[in-house]
């Protein structure tokens, strides 16, 4: 369940592989992206160490993404 601008919205996902808690120090500012993609909803990146390797997580502002005009979920909600 998401609370989007005062409205409760359910989300259906295909799968969840992990739920992790990140310390503030693990999150870094989002890098600059080329104009090929809209990165306005990316708030940062984080790296998690796993055994001998690591994986990068892309952190999204889910509320901003879901109320974006292209999604059409929140009607005339001001950001």
PDB file of N, CA and C in Angstrom:
ATOM      1  N   UNK A   1       0.841  -1.172   0.000  1.00  0.00           N
ATOM      2  CA  UNK A   1       0.000   0.000   0.000  1.00  0.00           C
ATOM      3  C   UNK A   1       0.889   1.239   0.000  1.00  0.00           C
ATOM      4  N   UNK A   2       0.497   2.210  -0.780  1.00  0.00           N
ATOM      5  CA  UNK A   2       1.214   3.476  -0.865  1.00  0.00           C
ATOM      6  C   UNK A   2       0.251   4.602  -0.548  1.00  0.00           C
ATOM      7  N   UNK A   3       0.744   5.600   0.136  1.00  0.00           N
ATOM      8  CA  UNK A   3      -0.047   6.800   0.370  1.00  0.00           C
ATOM      9  C   UNK A   3       0.462   7.854  -0.599  1.00  0.00           C
ATOM     10  N   UNK A   4      -0.343   8.163  -1.602  1.00  0.00           N
ATOM     11  CA  UNK A   4       0.051   9.103  -2.637  1.00  0.00           C
ATOM     12  C   UNK A   4      -0.815  10.342  -2.555  1.00  0.00           C
ATOM     13  N   UNK A   5      -0.234  11.411  -2.072  1.00  0.00           N
ATOM     14  CA  UNK A   5      -0.945  12.684  -1.976  1.00  0.00           C
ATOM     15  C   UNK A   5      -2.283  12.525  -1.275  1.00  0.00           C
ATOM     16  N   UNK A   6      -2.283  11.774  -0.174  1.00  0.00           N
ATOM     17  CA  UNK A   6      -3.496  11.602   0.608  1.00  0.00           C
ATOM     18  C   UNK A   6      -4.419  10.490   0.143  1.00  0.00           C
ATOM     19  N   UNK A   7      -4.063   9.813  -0.926  1.00  0.00           N
ATOM     20  CA  UNK A   7      -4.860   8.686  -1.421  1.00  0.00           C
ATOM     21  C   UNK A   7      -4.099   7.397  -1.170  1.00  0.00           C
ATOM     22  N   UNK A   8      -4.787   6.349  -0.760  1.00  0.00           N
ATOM     23  CA  UNK A   8      -4.163   5.049  -0.568  1.00  0.00           C
ATOM     24  C   UNK A   8      -4.274   4.271  -1.879  1.00  0.00           C
ATOM     25  N   UNK A   9      -3.131   3.784  -2.351  1.00  0.00           N
ATOM     26  CA  UNK A   9      -3.074   3.076  -3.626  1.00  0.00           C
ATOM     27  C   UNK A   9      -2.368   1.747  -3.389  1.00  0.00           C
ATOM     28  N   UNK A  10      -2.903   0.686  -3.937  1.00  0.00           N
ATOM     29  CA  UNK A  10      -2.254  -0.617  -3.873  1.00  0.00           C
ATOM     30  C   UNK A  10      -1.353  -0.799  -5.076  1.00  0.00           C
ATOM     31  N   UNK A  11      -0.297  -1.555  -4.909  1.00  0.00           N
ATOM     32  CA  UNK A  11       0.618  -1.832  -6.013  1.00  0.00           C
ATOM     33  C   UNK A  11       0.805  -3.338  -6.133  1.00  0.00           C
ATOM     34  N   UNK A  12       0.770  -3.835  -7.346  1.00  0.00           N
ATOM     35  CA  UNK A  12       1.003  -5.249  -7.605  1.00  0.00           C
ATOM     36  C   UNK A  12       2.368  -5.353  -8.277  1.00  0.00           C
ATOM     37  N   UNK A  13       3.211  -6.216  -7.759  1.00  0.00           N
ATOM     38  CA  UNK A  13       4.546  -6.400  -8.325  1.00  0.00           C
ATOM     39  C   UNK A  13       4.709  -7.848  -8.753  1.00  0.00           C
ATOM     40  N   UNK A  14       5.614  -8.098  -9.674  1.00  0.00           N
ATOM     41  CA  UNK A  14       5.871  -9.459 -10.141  1.00  0.00           C
ATOM     42  C   UNK A  14       6.599 -10.281  -9.078  1.00  0.00           C
ATOM     43  N   UNK A  15       7.585  -9.663  -8.417  1.00  0.00           N
ATOM     44  CA  UNK A  15       8.380 -10.395  -7.429  1.00  0.00           C
ATOM     45  C   UNK A  15       9.159  -9.413  -6.575  1.00  0.00           C
ATOM     46  N   UNK A  16       9.501  -9.854  -5.398  1.00  0.00           N
ATOM     47  CA  UNK A  16      10.389  -9.111  -4.504  1.00  0.00           C
ATOM     48  C   UNK A  16      11.533 -10.045  -4.148  1.00  0.00           C
ATOM     49  N   UNK A  17      12.757  -9.633  -4.439  1.00  0.00           N
ATOM     50  CA  UNK A  17      13.888 -10.511  -4.150  1.00  0.00           C
ATOM     51  C   UNK A  17      14.458 -10.272  -2.759  1.00  0.00           C
ATOM     52  N   UNK A  18      14.437  -9.046  -2.288  1.00  0.00           N
ATOM     53  CA  UNK A  18      14.980  -8.704  -0.979  1.00  0.00           C
ATOM     54  C   UNK A  18      14.321  -7.441  -0.467  1.00  0.00           C
ATOM     55  N   UNK A  19      14.308  -7.314   0.834  1.00  0.00           N
ATOM     56  CA  UNK A  19      13.962  -6.062   1.490  1.00  0.00           C
ATOM     57  C   UNK A  19      15.149  -5.753   2.388  1.00  0.00           C
ATOM     58  N   UNK A  20      15.773  -4.608   2.176  1.00  0.00           N
ATOM     59  CA  UNK A  20      16.964  -4.258   2.946  1.00  0.00           C
ATOM     60  C   UNK A  20      16.788  -2.890   3.590  1.00  0.00           C
ATOM     61  N   UNK A  21      17.414  -2.740   4.744  1.00  0.00           N
ATOM     62  CA  UNK A  21      17.462  -1.439   5.410  1.00  0.00           C
ATOM     63  C   UNK A  21      18.831  -0.841   5.125  1.00  0.00           C
ATOM     64  N   UNK A  22      18.845   0.380   4.673  1.00  0.00           N
ATOM     65  CA  UNK A  22      20.093   1.057   4.355  1.00  0.00           C
ATOM     66  C   UNK A  22      20.384   2.118   5.403  1.00  0.00           C
ATOM     67  N   UNK A  23      21.624   2.189   5.832  1.00  0.00           N
ATOM     68  CA  UNK A  23      22.060   3.293   6.675  1.00  0.00           C
ATOM     69  C   UNK A  23      22.223   4.515   5.777  1.00  0.00           C
ATOM     70  N   UNK A  24      21.987   5.712   6.300  1.00  0.00           N
ATOM     71  CA  UNK A  24      22.140   6.908   5.456  1.00  0.00           C
ATOM     72  C   UNK A  24      23.498   6.989   4.756  1.00  0.00           C
ATOM     73  N   UNK A  25      24.536   6.492   5.387  1.00  0.00           N
ATOM     74  CA  UNK A  25      25.871   6.555   4.782  1.00  0.00           C
ATOM     75  C   UNK A  25      26.002   5.649   3.559  1.00  0.00           C
ATOM     76  N   UNK A  26      25.124   4.657   3.420  1.00  0.00           N
ATOM     77  CA  UNK A  26      25.188   3.754   2.276  1.00  0.00           C
ATOM     78  C   UNK A  26      24.586   4.372   1.010  1.00  0.00           C
ATOM     79  N   UNK A  27      23.751   5.361   1.150  1.00  0.00           N
ATOM     80  CA  UNK A  27      23.096   5.987  -0.007  1.00  0.00           C
ATOM     81  C   UNK A  27      23.938   7.154  -0.501  1.00  0.00           C
ATOM     82  N   UNK A  28      24.177   7.169  -1.769  1.00  0.00           N
ATOM     83  CA  UNK A  28      24.934   8.246  -2.420  1.00  0.00           C
ATOM     84  C   UNK A  28      24.004   8.998  -3.366  1.00  0.00           C
ATOM     85  N   UNK A  29      24.355  10.221  -3.661  1.00  0.00           N
ATOM     86  CA  UNK A  29      23.551  11.036  -4.585  1.00  0.00           C
ATOM     87  C   UNK A  29      23.484  10.367  -5.950  1.00  0.00           C
ATOM     88  N   UNK A  30      22.387  10.582  -6.630  1.00  0.00           N
ATOM     89  CA  UNK A  30      22.211  10.022  -7.970  1.00  0.00           C
ATOM     90  C   UNK A  30      23.218  10.657  -8.924  1.00  0.00           C
ATOM     91  N   UNK A  31      23.847   9.854  -9.770  1.00  0.00           N
ATOM     92  CA  UNK A  31      24.774  10.419 -10.753  1.00  0.00           C
ATOM     93  C   UNK A  31      24.013  11.143 -11.855  1.00  0.00           C
ATOM     94  N   UNK A  32      24.713  11.930 -12.622  1.00  0.00           N
ATOM     95  CA  UNK A  32      24.117  12.595 -13.776  1.00  0.00           C
ATOM     96  C   UNK A  32      23.900  11.560 -14.874  1.00  0.00           C
ATOM     97  N   UNK A  33      22.720  11.582 -15.474  1.00  0.00           N
ATOM     98  CA  UNK A  33      22.412  10.683 -16.580  1.00  0.00           C
ATOM     99  C   UNK A  33      22.298  11.498 -17.856  1.00  0.00           C
ATOM    100  N   UNK A  34      22.537  10.832 -18.987  1.00  0.00           N
ATOM    101  CA  UNK A  34      22.375  11.519 -20.268  1.00  0.00           C
ATOM    102  C   UNK A  34      20.900  11.780 -20.498  1.00  0.00           C
ATOM    103  N   UNK A  35      20.582  12.578 -21.466  1.00  0.00           N
ATOM    104  CA  UNK A  35      19.202  12.924 -21.768  1.00  0.00           C
ATOM    105  C   UNK A  35      18.379  11.771 -22.314  1.00  0.00           C
ATOM    106  N   UNK A  36      18.984  10.591 -22.477  1.00  0.00           N
ATOM    107  CA  UNK A  36      18.275   9.456 -23.055  1.00  0.00           C
ATOM    108  C   UNK A  36      17.210   8.892 -22.121  1.00  0.00           C
ATOM    109  N   UNK A  37      17.349   9.105 -20.807  1.00  0.00           N
ATOM    110  CA  UNK A  37      16.356   8.591 -19.863  1.00  0.00           C
ATOM    111  C   UNK A  37      15.921   9.715 -18.926  1.00  0.00           C
ATOM    112  N   UNK A  38      14.715   9.593 -18.397  1.00  0.00           N
ATOM    113  CA  UNK A  38      14.223  10.548 -17.408  1.00  0.00           C
ATOM    114  C   UNK A  38      14.619  10.024 -16.035  1.00  0.00           C
ATOM    115  N   UNK A  39      15.600  10.644 -15.415  1.00  0.00           N
ATOM    116  CA  UNK A  39      16.105  10.200 -14.119  1.00  0.00           C
ATOM    117  C   UNK A  39      15.553  11.053 -12.986  1.00  0.00           C
ATOM    118  N   UNK A  40      14.497  11.795 -13.239  1.00  0.00           N
ATOM    119  CA  UNK A  40      13.955  12.695 -12.236  1.00  0.00           C
ATOM    120  C   UNK A  40      13.438  12.023 -10.990  1.00  0.00           C
ATOM    121  N   UNK A  41      13.123  10.740 -11.045  1.00  0.00           N
ATOM    122  CA  UNK A  41      12.590  10.022  -9.893  1.00  0.00           C
ATOM    123  C   UNK A  41      13.656   9.209  -9.166  1.00  0.00           C
ATOM    124  N   UNK A  42      14.892   9.252  -9.660  1.00  0.00           N
ATOM    125  CA  UNK A  42      15.989   8.547  -9.001  1.00  0.00           C
ATOM    126  C   UNK A  42      16.579   9.467  -7.948  1.00  0.00           C
ATOM    127  N   UNK A  43      16.545   9.013  -6.693  1.00  0.00           N
ATOM    128  CA  UNK A  43      17.038   9.848  -5.602  1.00  0.00           C
ATOM    129  C   UNK A  43      18.467   9.526  -5.216  1.00  0.00           C
ATOM    130  N   UNK A  44      18.959   8.363  -5.602  1.00  0.00           N
ATOM    131  CA  UNK A  44      20.325   8.010  -5.248  1.00  0.00           C
ATOM    132  C   UNK A  44      20.646   6.592  -5.657  1.00  0.00           C
ATOM    133  N   UNK A  45      21.838   6.155  -5.251  1.00  0.00           N
ATOM    134  CA  UNK A  45      22.283   4.786  -5.485  1.00  0.00           C
ATOM    135  C   UNK A  45      22.912   4.270  -4.198  1.00  0.00           C
ATOM    136  N   UNK A  46      22.954   2.971  -4.066  1.00  0.00           N
ATOM    137  CA  UNK A  46      23.607   2.346  -2.914  1.00  0.00           C
ATOM    138  C   UNK A  46      24.271   1.074  -3.391  1.00  0.00           C
ATOM    139  N   UNK A  47      25.328   0.670  -2.724  1.00  0.00           N
ATOM    140  CA  UNK A  47      26.022  -0.566  -3.045  1.00  0.00           C
ATOM    141  C   UNK A  47      25.975  -1.482  -1.837  1.00  0.00           C
ATOM    142  N   UNK A  48      25.568  -2.719  -2.048  1.00  0.00           N
ATOM    143  CA  UNK A  48      25.535  -3.726  -0.995  1.00  0.00           C
ATOM    144  C   UNK A  48      26.590  -4.779  -1.279  1.00  0.00           C
ATOM    145  N   UNK A  49      27.429  -5.068  -0.306  1.00  0.00           N
ATOM    146  CA  UNK A  49      28.422  -6.129  -0.442  1.00  0.00           C
ATOM    147  C   UNK A  49      27.752  -7.469  -0.197  1.00  0.00           C
ATOM    148  N   UNK A  50      28.066  -8.427  -1.036  1.00  0.00           N
ATOM    149  CA  UNK A  50      27.508  -9.780  -0.920  1.00  0.00           C
ATOM    150  C   UNK A  50      28.604 -10.793  -1.171  1.00  0.00           C
ATOM    151  N   UNK A  51      29.147 -11.382  -0.116  1.00  0.00           N
ATOM    152  CA  UNK A  51      30.203 -12.372  -0.292  1.00  0.00           C
ATOM    153  C   UNK A  51      31.398 -11.759  -0.995  1.00  0.00           C
ATOM    154  N   UNK A  52      31.740 -12.307  -2.158  1.00  0.00           N
ATOM    155  CA  UNK A  52      32.883 -11.803  -2.931  1.00  0.00           C
ATOM    156  C   UNK A  52      32.489 -10.686  -3.887  1.00  0.00           C
ATOM    157  N   UNK A  53      31.209 -10.387  -3.976  1.00  0.00           N
ATOM    158  CA  UNK A  53      30.766  -9.388  -4.943  1.00  0.00           C
ATOM    159  C   UNK A  53      29.951  -8.290  -4.286  1.00  0.00           C
ATOM    160  N   UNK A  54      29.345  -7.505  -5.121  1.00  0.00           N
ATOM    161  CA  UNK A  54      28.503  -6.410  -4.647  1.00  0.00           C
ATOM    162  C   UNK A  54      27.398  -6.202  -5.673  1.00  0.00           C
ATOM    163  N   UNK A  55      26.341  -5.556  -5.240  1.00  0.00           N
ATOM    164  CA  UNK A  55      25.289  -5.187  -6.187  1.00  0.00           C
ATOM    165  C   UNK A  55      24.898  -3.744  -5.942  1.00  0.00           C
ATOM    166  N   UNK A  56      24.510  -3.087  -7.018  1.00  0.00           N
ATOM    167  CA  UNK A  56      24.121  -1.695  -6.941  1.00  0.00           C
ATOM    168  C   UNK A  56      22.605  -1.599  -6.923  1.00  0.00           C
ATOM    169  N   UNK A  57      22.088  -0.761  -6.042  1.00  0.00           N
ATOM    170  CA  UNK A  57      20.660  -0.516  -5.951  1.00  0.00           C
ATOM    171  C   UNK A  57      20.378   0.887  -6.454  1.00  0.00           C
ATOM    172  N   UNK A  58      19.307   1.039  -7.194  1.00  0.00           N
ATOM    173  CA  UNK A  58      18.857   2.357  -7.639  1.00  0.00           C
ATOM    174  C   UNK A  58      17.708   2.752  -6.728  1.00  0.00           C
ATOM    175  N   UNK A  59      17.819   3.882  -6.062  1.00  0.00           N
ATOM    176  CA  UNK A  59      16.821   4.346  -5.108  1.00  0.00           C
ATOM    177  C   UNK A  59      15.856   5.288  -5.811  1.00  0.00           C
ATOM    178  N   UNK A  60      14.570   4.973  -5.739  1.00  0.00           N
ATOM    179  CA  UNK A  60      13.536   5.752  -6.417  1.00  0.00           C
ATOM    180  C   UNK A  60      12.654   6.482  -5.420  1.00  0.00           C
ATOM    181  N   UNK A  61      12.169   7.637  -5.816  1.00  0.00           N
ATOM    182  CA  UNK A  61      11.129   8.342  -5.066  1.00  0.00           C
ATOM    183  C   UNK A  61       9.819   7.792  -5.606  1.00  0.00           C
ATOM    184  N   UNK A  62       9.297   6.747  -4.962  1.00  0.00           N
ATOM    185  CA  UNK A  62       8.131   6.045  -5.486  1.00  0.00           C
ATOM    186  C   UNK A  62       6.908   6.945  -5.547  1.00  0.00           C
ATOM    187  N   UNK A  63       6.761   7.841  -4.584  1.00  0.00           N
ATOM    188  CA  UNK A  63       5.602   8.739  -4.613  1.00  0.00           C
ATOM    189  C   UNK A  63       5.663   9.661  -5.823  1.00  0.00           C
ATOM    190  N   UNK A  64       6.808  10.263  -6.073  1.00  0.00           N
ATOM    191  CA  UNK A  64       6.945  11.147  -7.236  1.00  0.00           C
ATOM    192  C   UNK A  64       6.739  10.375  -8.538  1.00  0.00           C
ATOM    193  N   UNK A  65       7.232   9.150  -8.593  1.00  0.00           N
ATOM    194  CA  UNK A  65       7.066   8.329  -9.788  1.00  0.00           C
ATOM    195  C   UNK A  65       5.599   7.995 -10.032  1.00  0.00           C
ATOM    196  N   UNK A  66       4.899   7.580  -8.994  1.00  0.00           N
ATOM    197  CA  UNK A  66       3.520   7.146  -9.154  1.00  0.00           C
ATOM    198  C   UNK A  66       2.549   8.294  -9.426  1.00  0.00           C
ATOM    199  N   UNK A  67       2.852   9.505  -8.940  1.00  0.00           N
ATOM    200  CA  UNK A  67       1.935  10.617  -9.204  1.00  0.00           C
ATOM    201  C   UNK A  67       2.343  11.425 -10.437  1.00  0.00           C
ATOM    202  N   UNK A  68       3.360  10.959 -11.133  1.00  0.00           N
ATOM    203  CA  UNK A  68       3.766  11.623 -12.368  1.00  0.00           C
ATOM    204  C   UNK A  68       2.607  11.578 -13.365  1.00  0.00           C
ATOM    205  N   UNK A  69       2.479  12.596 -14.148  1.00  0.00           N
ATOM    206  CA  UNK A  69       1.385  12.707 -15.102  1.00  0.00           C
ATOM    207  C   UNK A  69       1.265  11.517 -16.027  1.00  0.00           C
ATOM    208  N   UNK A  70       2.387  10.912 -16.407  1.00  0.00           N
ATOM    209  CA  UNK A  70       2.360   9.773 -17.313  1.00  0.00           C
ATOM    210  C   UNK A  70       1.653   8.569 -16.705  1.00  0.00           C
ATOM    211  N   UNK A  71       1.680   8.466 -15.376  1.00  0.00           N
ATOM    212  CA  UNK A  71       1.052   7.328 -14.704  1.00  0.00           C
ATOM    213  C   UNK A  71      -0.460   7.492 -14.611  1.00  0.00           C
ATOM    214  N   UNK A  72      -0.939   8.724 -14.485  1.00  0.00           N
ATOM    215  CA  UNK A  72      -2.369   8.990 -14.441  1.00  0.00           C
ATOM    216  C   UNK A  72      -3.075   8.436 -13.216  1.00  0.00           C
ATOM    217  N   UNK A  73      -2.354   8.246 -12.109  1.00  0.00           N
ATOM    218  CA  UNK A  73      -2.957   7.640 -10.927  1.00  0.00           C
ATOM    219  C   UNK A  73      -3.566   8.634  -9.954  1.00  0.00           C
ATOM    220  N   UNK A  74      -2.989   9.823  -9.886  1.00  0.00           N
ATOM    221  CA  UNK A  74      -3.406  10.743  -8.824  1.00  0.00           C
ATOM    222  C   UNK A  74      -4.226  11.922  -9.334  1.00  0.00           C
ATOM    223  N   UNK A  75      -4.686  11.857 -10.544  1.00  0.00           N
ATOM    224  CA  UNK A  75      -5.508  12.937 -11.062  1.00  0.00           C
ATOM    225  C   UNK A  75      -4.748  14.254 -11.119  1.00  0.00           C
ATOM    226  N   UNK A  76      -5.359  15.305 -10.622  1.00  0.00           N
ATOM    227  CA  UNK A  76      -4.758  16.635 -10.654  1.00  0.00           C
ATOM    228  C   UNK A  76      -4.052  16.968  -9.354  1.00  0.00           C
ATOM    229  N   UNK A  77      -3.160  16.121  -8.900  1.00  0.00           N
ATOM    230  CA  UNK A  77      -2.433  16.314  -7.653  1.00  0.00           C
ATOM    231  C   UNK A  77      -1.224  17.195  -7.910  1.00  0.00           C
ATOM    232  N   UNK A  78      -1.058  18.214  -7.093  1.00  0.00           N
ATOM    233  CA  UNK A  78       0.137  19.062  -7.198  1.00  0.00           C
ATOM    234  C   UNK A  78       1.302  18.372  -6.529  1.00  0.00           C
ATOM    235  N   UNK A  79       2.473  18.462  -7.107  1.00  0.00           N
ATOM    236  CA  UNK A  79       3.685  17.826  -6.542  1.00  0.00           C
ATOM    237  C   UNK A  79       4.200  18.676  -5.429  1.00  0.00           C
TER     238      UNK A  79
END
